[in-house]
Amino acid sequence: DDGGSGAGAGTTVSGTAAKGAMLVGATVEMTCAN
């Protein structure tokens, strides 16, 4: 459960969701290698 290149616990991930216009109120979900 700890595969991949690890950044460690408590890592903050951020970014932008947009199609040109910004996506406001979009739900972001990701699953990592661990």
PDB file of all heavy atoms in Angstrom:
ATOM      1  N   ASP A   1       0.813  -1.209   0.000  1.00  0.00           N
ATOM      2  CA  ASP A   1       0.000   0.000   0.000  1.00  0.00           C
ATOM      3  C   ASP A   1       0.840   1.250   0.000  1.00  0.00           C
ATOM      4  O   ASP A   1       0.346   2.335   0.254  1.00  0.00           O
ATOM      5  CB  ASP A   1      -0.940   0.000   1.212  1.00  0.00           C
ATOM      6  CG  ASP A   1      -2.139  -0.903   1.004  1.00  0.00           C
ATOM      7  OD1 ASP A   1      -2.419  -1.269  -0.152  1.00  0.00           O
ATOM      8  OD2 ASP A   1      -2.763  -1.249   2.001  1.00  0.00           O
ATOM      9  N   ASP A   2       2.132   1.110  -0.269  1.00  0.00           N
ATOM     10  CA  ASP A   2       2.989   2.297  -0.241  1.00  0.00           C
ATOM     11  C   ASP A   2       3.818   2.384  -1.507  1.00  0.00           C
ATOM     12  O   ASP A   2       4.947   2.843  -1.499  1.00  0.00           O
ATOM     13  CB  ASP A   2       3.907   2.291   0.989  1.00  0.00           C
ATOM     14  CG  ASP A   2       4.747   1.032   1.086  1.00  0.00           C
ATOM     15  OD1 ASP A   2       4.528   0.108   0.269  1.00  0.00           O
ATOM     16  OD2 ASP A   2       5.619   0.974   1.964  1.00  0.00           O
ATOM     17  N   GLY A   3       3.240   1.937  -2.641  1.00  0.00           N
ATOM     18  CA  GLY A   3       3.962   1.959  -3.902  1.00  0.00           C
ATOM     19  C   GLY A   3       4.133   3.356  -4.446  1.00  0.00           C
ATOM     20  O   GLY A   3       3.603   4.325  -3.942  1.00  0.00           O
ATOM     21  N   GLY A   4       4.880   3.453  -5.539  1.00  0.00           N
ATOM     22  CA  GLY A   4       5.055   4.735  -6.199  1.00  0.00           C
ATOM     23  C   GLY A   4       6.132   5.570  -5.551  1.00  0.00           C
ATOM     24  O   GLY A   4       6.850   5.155  -4.660  1.00  0.00           O
ATOM     25  N   SER A   5       6.242   6.784  -6.019  1.00  0.00           N
ATOM     26  CA  SER A   5       7.209   7.727  -5.485  1.00  0.00           C
ATOM     27  C   SER A   5       6.538   8.544  -4.396  1.00  0.00           C
ATOM     28  O   SER A   5       5.649   9.333  -4.656  1.00  0.00           O
ATOM     29  CB  SER A   5       7.707   8.642  -6.613  1.00  0.00           C
ATOM     30  OG  SER A   5       8.569   9.626  -6.116  1.00  0.00           O
ATOM     31  N   GLY A   6       6.932   8.347  -3.162  1.00  0.00           N
ATOM     32  CA  GLY A   6       6.188   8.905  -2.044  1.00  0.00           C
ATOM     33  C   GLY A   6       6.528  10.337  -1.722  1.00  0.00           C
ATOM     34  O   GLY A   6       7.680  10.745  -1.766  1.00  0.00           O
ATOM     35  N   ALA A   7       5.521  11.127  -1.378  1.00  0.00           N
ATOM     36  CA  ALA A   7       5.727  12.487  -0.899  1.00  0.00           C
ATOM     37  C   ALA A   7       5.461  12.582   0.591  1.00  0.00           C
ATOM     38  O   ALA A   7       5.751  13.578   1.218  1.00  0.00           O
ATOM     39  CB  ALA A   7       4.818  13.452  -1.653  1.00  0.00           C
ATOM     40  N   GLY A   8       4.864  11.522   1.176  1.00  0.00           N
ATOM     41  CA  GLY A   8       4.694  11.481   2.616  1.00  0.00           C
ATOM     42  C   GLY A   8       3.358  11.964   3.112  1.00  0.00           C
ATOM     43  O   GLY A   8       2.549  12.534   2.396  1.00  0.00           O
ATOM     44  N   ALA A   9       3.135  11.676   4.405  1.00  0.00           N
ATOM     45  CA  ALA A   9       1.881  12.057   5.038  1.00  0.00           C
ATOM     46  C   ALA A   9       1.778  13.570   5.173  1.00  0.00           C
ATOM     47  O   ALA A   9       2.774  14.275   5.295  1.00  0.00           O
ATOM     48  CB  ALA A   9       1.789  11.405   6.415  1.00  0.00           C
ATOM     49  N   GLY A  10       0.557  14.063   5.125  1.00  0.00           N
ATOM     50  CA  GLY A  10       0.324  15.481   5.326  1.00  0.00           C
ATOM     51  C   GLY A  10       0.728  16.346   4.153  1.00  0.00           C
ATOM     52  O   GLY A  10       0.858  17.564   4.299  1.00  0.00           O
ATOM     53  N   THR A  11       0.933  15.765   2.986  1.00  0.00           N
ATOM     54  CA  THR A  11       1.274  16.540   1.795  1.00  0.00           C
ATOM     55  C   THR A  11       0.058  17.320   1.306  1.00  0.00           C
ATOM     56  O   THR A  11      -1.039  16.775   1.221  1.00  0.00           O
ATOM     57  CB  THR A  11       1.774  15.621   0.670  1.00  0.00           C
ATOM     58  OG1 THR A  11       2.947  14.943   1.111  1.00  0.00           O
ATOM     59  CG2 THR A  11       2.072  16.407  -0.592  1.00  0.00           C
ATOM     60  N   THR A  12       0.256  18.573   0.988  1.00  0.00           N
ATOM     61  CA  THR A  12      -0.832  19.384   0.446  1.00  0.00           C
ATOM     62  C   THR A  12      -0.779  19.357  -1.070  1.00  0.00           C
ATOM     63  O   THR A  12       0.255  19.625  -1.675  1.00  0.00           O
ATOM     64  CB  THR A  12      -0.734  20.838   0.928  1.00  0.00           C
ATOM     65  OG1 THR A  12      -0.861  20.872   2.354  1.00  0.00           O
ATOM     66  CG2 THR A  12      -1.845  21.695   0.317  1.00  0.00           C
ATOM     67  N   VAL A  13      -1.896  19.005  -1.674  1.00  0.00           N
ATOM     68  CA  VAL A  13      -2.034  18.981  -3.125  1.00  0.00           C
ATOM     69  C   VAL A  13      -3.033  20.060  -3.517  1.00  0.00           C
ATOM     70  O   VAL A  13      -4.079  20.207  -2.881  1.00  0.00           O
ATOM     71  CB  VAL A  13      -2.528  17.607  -3.614  1.00  0.00           C
ATOM     72  CG1 VAL A  13      -2.767  17.622  -5.120  1.00  0.00           C
ATOM     73  CG2 VAL A  13      -1.523  16.533  -3.241  1.00  0.00           C
ATOM     74  N   SER A  14      -2.716  20.816  -4.549  1.00  0.00           N
ATOM     75  CA  SER A  14      -3.607  21.883  -4.991  1.00  0.00           C
ATOM     76  C   SER A  14      -3.558  21.987  -6.503  1.00  0.00           C
ATOM     77  O   SER A  14      -2.758  21.335  -7.167  1.00  0.00           O
ATOM     78  CB  SER A  14      -3.212  23.222  -4.352  1.00  0.00           C
ATOM     79  OG  SER A  14      -1.880  23.565  -4.716  1.00  0.00           O
ATOM     80  N   GLY A  15      -4.416  22.828  -7.049  1.00  0.00           N
ATOM     81  CA  GLY A  15      -4.436  23.012  -8.485  1.00  0.00           C
ATOM     82  C   GLY A  15      -5.668  23.770  -8.923  1.00  0.00           C
ATOM     83  O   GLY A  15      -6.404  24.325  -8.098  1.00  0.00           O
ATOM     84  N   THR A  16      -5.906  23.794 -10.219  1.00  0.00           N
ATOM     85  CA  THR A  16      -6.998  24.543 -10.821  1.00  0.00           C
ATOM     86  C   THR A  16      -7.876  23.618 -11.647  1.00  0.00           C
ATOM     87  O   THR A  16      -7.372  22.755 -12.362  1.00  0.00           O
ATOM     88  CB  THR A  16      -6.447  25.649 -11.737  1.00  0.00           C
ATOM     89  OG1 THR A  16      -5.520  26.460 -11.007  1.00  0.00           O
ATOM     90  CG2 THR A  16      -7.568  26.536 -12.272  1.00  0.00           C
ATOM     91  N   ALA A  17      -9.176  23.814 -11.568  1.00  0.00           N
ATOM     92  CA  ALA A  17     -10.121  23.120 -12.434  1.00  0.00           C
ATOM     93  C   ALA A  17     -10.781  24.170 -13.319  1.00  0.00           C
ATOM     94  O   ALA A  17     -11.359  25.140 -12.820  1.00  0.00           O
ATOM     95  CB  ALA A  17     -11.171  22.373 -11.618  1.00  0.00           C
ATOM     96  N   ALA A  18     -10.675  23.985 -14.632  1.00  0.00           N
ATOM     97  CA  ALA A  18     -11.177  25.025 -15.542  1.00  0.00           C
ATOM     98  C   ALA A  18     -11.400  24.459 -16.926  1.00  0.00           C
ATOM     99  O   ALA A  18     -10.758  23.491 -17.339  1.00  0.00           O
ATOM    100  CB  ALA A  18     -10.175  26.179 -15.620  1.00  0.00           C
ATOM    101  N   LYS A  19     -12.293  25.097 -17.662  1.00  0.00           N
ATOM    102  CA  LYS A  19     -12.488  24.783 -19.074  1.00  0.00           C
ATOM    103  C   LYS A  19     -12.210  26.008 -19.937  1.00  0.00           C
ATOM    104  O   LYS A  19     -12.493  26.033 -21.133  1.00  0.00           O
ATOM    105  CB  LYS A  19     -13.919  24.300 -19.320  1.00  0.00           C
ATOM    106  CG  LYS A  19     -15.002  25.285 -18.942  1.00  0.00           C
ATOM    107  CD  LYS A  19     -16.374  24.695 -19.252  1.00  0.00           C
ATOM    108  CE  LYS A  19     -17.492  25.664 -18.909  1.00  0.00           C
ATOM    109  NZ  LYS A  19     -18.827  25.102 -19.257  1.00  0.00           N
ATOM    110  N   GLY A  20     -11.609  26.999 -19.338  1.00  0.00           N
ATOM    111  CA  GLY A  20     -11.503  28.371 -19.834  1.00  0.00           C
ATOM    112  C   GLY A  20     -12.118  29.181 -18.724  1.00  0.00           C
ATOM    113  O   GLY A  20     -11.435  29.855 -17.956  1.00  0.00           O
ATOM    114  N   ALA A  21     -13.426  29.066 -18.534  1.00  0.00           N
ATOM    115  CA  ALA A  21     -14.081  29.523 -17.317  1.00  0.00           C
ATOM    116  C   ALA A  21     -13.654  28.608 -16.179  1.00  0.00           C
ATOM    117  O   ALA A  21     -13.451  27.403 -16.370  1.00  0.00           O
ATOM    118  CB  ALA A  21     -15.603  29.473 -17.493  1.00  0.00           C
ATOM    119  N   MET A  22     -13.495  29.176 -14.988  1.00  0.00           N
ATOM    120  CA  MET A  22     -13.120  28.377 -13.843  1.00  0.00           C
ATOM    121  C   MET A  22     -14.303  27.512 -13.392  1.00  0.00           C
ATOM    122  O   MET A  22     -15.460  27.938 -13.473  1.00  0.00           O
ATOM    123  CB  MET A  22     -12.683  29.275 -12.679  1.00  0.00           C
ATOM    124  CG  MET A  22     -11.485  30.156 -12.994  1.00  0.00           C
ATOM    125  SD  MET A  22      -9.959  29.204 -13.220  1.00  0.00           S
ATOM    126  CE  MET A  22      -9.527  29.660 -14.896  1.00  0.00           C
ATOM    127  N   LEU A  23     -14.036  26.309 -12.922  1.00  0.00           N
ATOM    128  CA  LEU A  23     -15.075  25.453 -12.359  1.00  0.00           C
ATOM    129  C   LEU A  23     -15.170  25.747 -10.865  1.00  0.00           C
ATOM    130  O   LEU A  23     -14.301  25.352 -10.085  1.00  0.00           O
ATOM    131  CB  LEU A  23     -14.750  23.976 -12.589  1.00  0.00           C
ATOM    132  CG  LEU A  23     -14.622  23.511 -14.039  1.00  0.00           C
ATOM    133  CD1 LEU A  23     -14.494  21.992 -14.087  1.00  0.00           C
ATOM    134  CD2 LEU A  23     -15.802  23.969 -14.884  1.00  0.00           C
ATOM    135  N   VAL A  24     -16.210  26.448 -10.480  1.00  0.00           N
ATOM    136  CA  VAL A  24     -16.406  26.857  -9.078  1.00  0.00           C
ATOM    137  C   VAL A  24     -17.333  25.865  -8.398  1.00  0.00           C
ATOM    138  O   VAL A  24     -18.432  25.597  -8.883  1.00  0.00           O
ATOM    139  CB  VAL A  24     -16.993  28.278  -9.006  1.00  0.00           C
ATOM    140  CG1 VAL A  24     -17.251  28.674  -7.546  1.00  0.00           C
ATOM    141  CG2 VAL A  24     -16.056  29.277  -9.675  1.00  0.00           C
ATOM    142  N   GLY A  25     -16.885  25.308  -7.286  1.00  0.00           N
ATOM    143  CA  GLY A  25     -17.686  24.335  -6.562  1.00  0.00           C
ATOM    144  C   GLY A  25     -17.562  22.923  -7.091  1.00  0.00           C
ATOM    145  O   GLY A  25     -18.389  22.064  -6.758  1.00  0.00           O
ATOM    146  N   ALA A  26     -16.536  22.643  -7.878  1.00  0.00           N
ATOM    147  CA  ALA A  26     -16.324  21.295  -8.406  1.00  0.00           C
ATOM    148  C   ALA A  26     -15.776  20.386  -7.311  1.00  0.00           C
ATOM    149  O   ALA A  26     -14.986  20.804  -6.462  1.00  0.00           O
ATOM    150  CB  ALA A  26     -15.358  21.329  -9.581  1.00  0.00           C
ATOM    151  N   THR A  27     -16.180  19.146  -7.337  1.00  0.00           N
ATOM    152  CA  THR A  27     -15.672  18.140  -6.406  1.00  0.00           C
ATOM    153  C   THR A  27     -14.450  17.466  -7.013  1.00  0.00           C
ATOM    154  O   THR A  27     -14.502  16.955  -8.134  1.00  0.00           O
ATOM    155  CB  THR A  27     -16.740  17.071  -6.114  1.00  0.00           C
ATOM    156  OG1 THR A  27     -17.870  17.704  -5.515  1.00  0.00           O
ATOM    157  CG2 THR A  27     -16.204  16.006  -5.177  1.00  0.00           C
ATOM    158  N   VAL A  28     -13.349  17.490  -6.273  1.00  0.00           N
ATOM    159  CA  VAL A  28     -12.097  16.894  -6.728  1.00  0.00           C
ATOM    160  C   VAL A  28     -11.816  15.643  -5.898  1.00  0.00           C
ATOM    161  O   VAL A  28     -11.839  15.685  -4.674  1.00  0.00           O
ATOM    162  CB  VAL A  28     -10.924  17.881  -6.582  1.00  0.00           C
ATOM    163  CG1 VAL A  28      -9.600  17.205  -6.936  1.00  0.00           C
ATOM    164  CG2 VAL A  28     -11.153  19.117  -7.454  1.00  0.00           C
ATOM    165  N   GLU A  29     -11.551  14.549  -6.576  1.00  0.00           N
ATOM    166  CA  GLU A  29     -11.227  13.296  -5.892  1.00  0.00           C
ATOM    167  C   GLU A  29     -10.094  12.604  -6.630  1.00  0.00           C
ATOM    168  O   GLU A  29     -10.111  12.520  -7.853  1.00  0.00           O
ATOM    169  CB  GLU A  29     -12.445  12.371  -5.836  1.00  0.00           C
ATOM    170  CG  GLU A  29     -13.595  12.924  -5.007  1.00  0.00           C
ATOM    171  CD  GLU A  29     -14.798  11.998  -4.978  1.00  0.00           C
ATOM    172  OE1 GLU A  29     -14.947  11.207  -5.936  1.00  0.00           O
ATOM    173  OE2 GLU A  29     -15.566  12.052  -4.005  1.00  0.00           O
ATOM    174  N   MET A  30      -9.092  12.108  -5.876  1.00  0.00           N
ATOM    175  CA  MET A  30      -7.969  11.384  -6.456  1.00  0.00           C
ATOM    176  C   MET A  30      -7.607  10.194  -5.587  1.00  0.00           C
ATOM    177  O   MET A  30      -7.807  10.211  -4.376  1.00  0.00           O
ATOM    178  CB  MET A  30      -6.746  12.302  -6.576  1.00  0.00           C
ATOM    179  CG  MET A  30      -6.815  13.310  -7.695  1.00  0.00           C
ATOM    180  SD  MET A  30      -5.282  14.296  -7.818  1.00  0.00           S
ATOM    181  CE  MET A  30      -5.579  15.468  -6.498  1.00  0.00           C
ATOM    182  N   THR A  31      -7.048   9.173  -6.232  1.00  0.00           N
ATOM    183  CA  THR A  31      -6.504   8.012  -5.534  1.00  0.00           C
ATOM    184  C   THR A  31      -5.043   7.873  -5.911  1.00  0.00           C
ATOM    185  O   THR A  31      -4.675   7.987  -7.089  1.00  0.00           O
ATOM    186  CB  THR A  31      -7.258   6.729  -5.919  1.00  0.00           C
ATOM    187  OG1 THR A  31      -8.643   6.878  -5.609  1.00  0.00           O
ATOM    188  CG2 THR A  31      -6.704   5.528  -5.149  1.00  0.00           C
ATOM    189  N   CYS A  32      -4.196   7.611  -4.915  1.00  0.00           N
ATOM    190  CA  CYS A  32      -2.751   7.582  -5.130  1.00  0.00           C
ATOM    191  C   CYS A  32      -2.210   6.155  -5.152  1.00  0.00           C
ATOM    192  O   CYS A  32      -2.928   5.189  -4.880  1.00  0.00           O
ATOM    193  CB  CYS A  32      -2.055   8.387  -4.044  1.00  0.00           C
ATOM    194  SG  CYS A  32      -2.507  10.143  -4.029  1.00  0.00           S
ATOM    195  N   ALA A  33      -0.919   6.039  -5.462  1.00  0.00           N
ATOM    196  CA  ALA A  33      -0.289   4.733  -5.624  1.00  0.00           C
ATOM    197  C   ALA A  33      -0.245   3.926  -4.337  1.00  0.00           C
ATOM    198  O   ALA A  33      -0.048   2.714  -4.378  1.00  0.00           O
ATOM    199  CB  ALA A  33       1.121   4.907  -6.176  1.00  0.00           C
ATOM    200  N   ASN A  34      -0.402   4.560  -3.198  1.00  0.00           N
ATOM    201  CA  ASN A  34      -0.458   3.845  -1.929  1.00  0.00           C
ATOM    202  C   ASN A  34      -1.889   3.578  -1.479  1.00  0.00           C
ATOM    203  O   ASN A  34      -2.117   3.118  -0.364  1.00  0.00           O
ATOM    204  CB  ASN A  34       0.290   4.625  -0.844  1.00  0.00           C
ATOM    205  CG  ASN A  34      -0.239   6.044  -0.667  1.00  0.00           C
ATOM    206  OD1 ASN A  34      -1.151   6.476  -1.390  1.00  0.00           O
ATOM    207  ND2 ASN A  34       0.326   6.770   0.279  1.00  0.00           N
TER     208      ASN A  34
END
